[in-house]
Amino acid sequence: MKTNVFMLTVVCLLLPYVGMSQDSSKVPQKGSKVYVIGESKNEDAMKAIDRLIDELKDWAYWEVKPTKDEADFVLKADIKASKGMTLTSWGGTSYTLTAQIIDKGGNVLWESAQYKASPNGTNGFNAGNAVVKKFMRALKKKFK
């Protein structure tokens, strides 16, 4: 009886890891074709999306495509820009960025954490570039 309970416990603890290992095979591999789409219509956020596309092209892990039809996956970036004074920003535009990788069937395969940046002296008062750099560092760690 104790053996059965122990085996059941082990199986229950290992199931989430089995599921994660199966999902990781579905995410874009090196050389995959990716289309980047921005959710925001805000001009500052759209500039940050352009910067993200440039950074992805420079990284060259995936091939960035100009249309969704040519791509294997979609990287949907939600960048929000907000103006105003915060404790760390000294005024200017602050940004948050979250992203999802979506397959052609519309299934979310991966979702990033939320990255934030406010303009300050350490980022040259360019929070748009700073939030993209934070995201790219995390992306490069995730997809090696």
Foldseek 3Di string as FASTA:
>chain_A
DVVVVVVVVVCVVCVVVVVVVVLVVVDDFFAFEEEEDEDDPDPLLVVLSVVLVVVCVVVNRYHYDDDPVVGQKYKYKYKDWDFDDDPAANTDIKIKIKIFIAGPVRDTSDIDDIFIFHQDDVVPRSNSNVRSVVVVVVVVVVHD
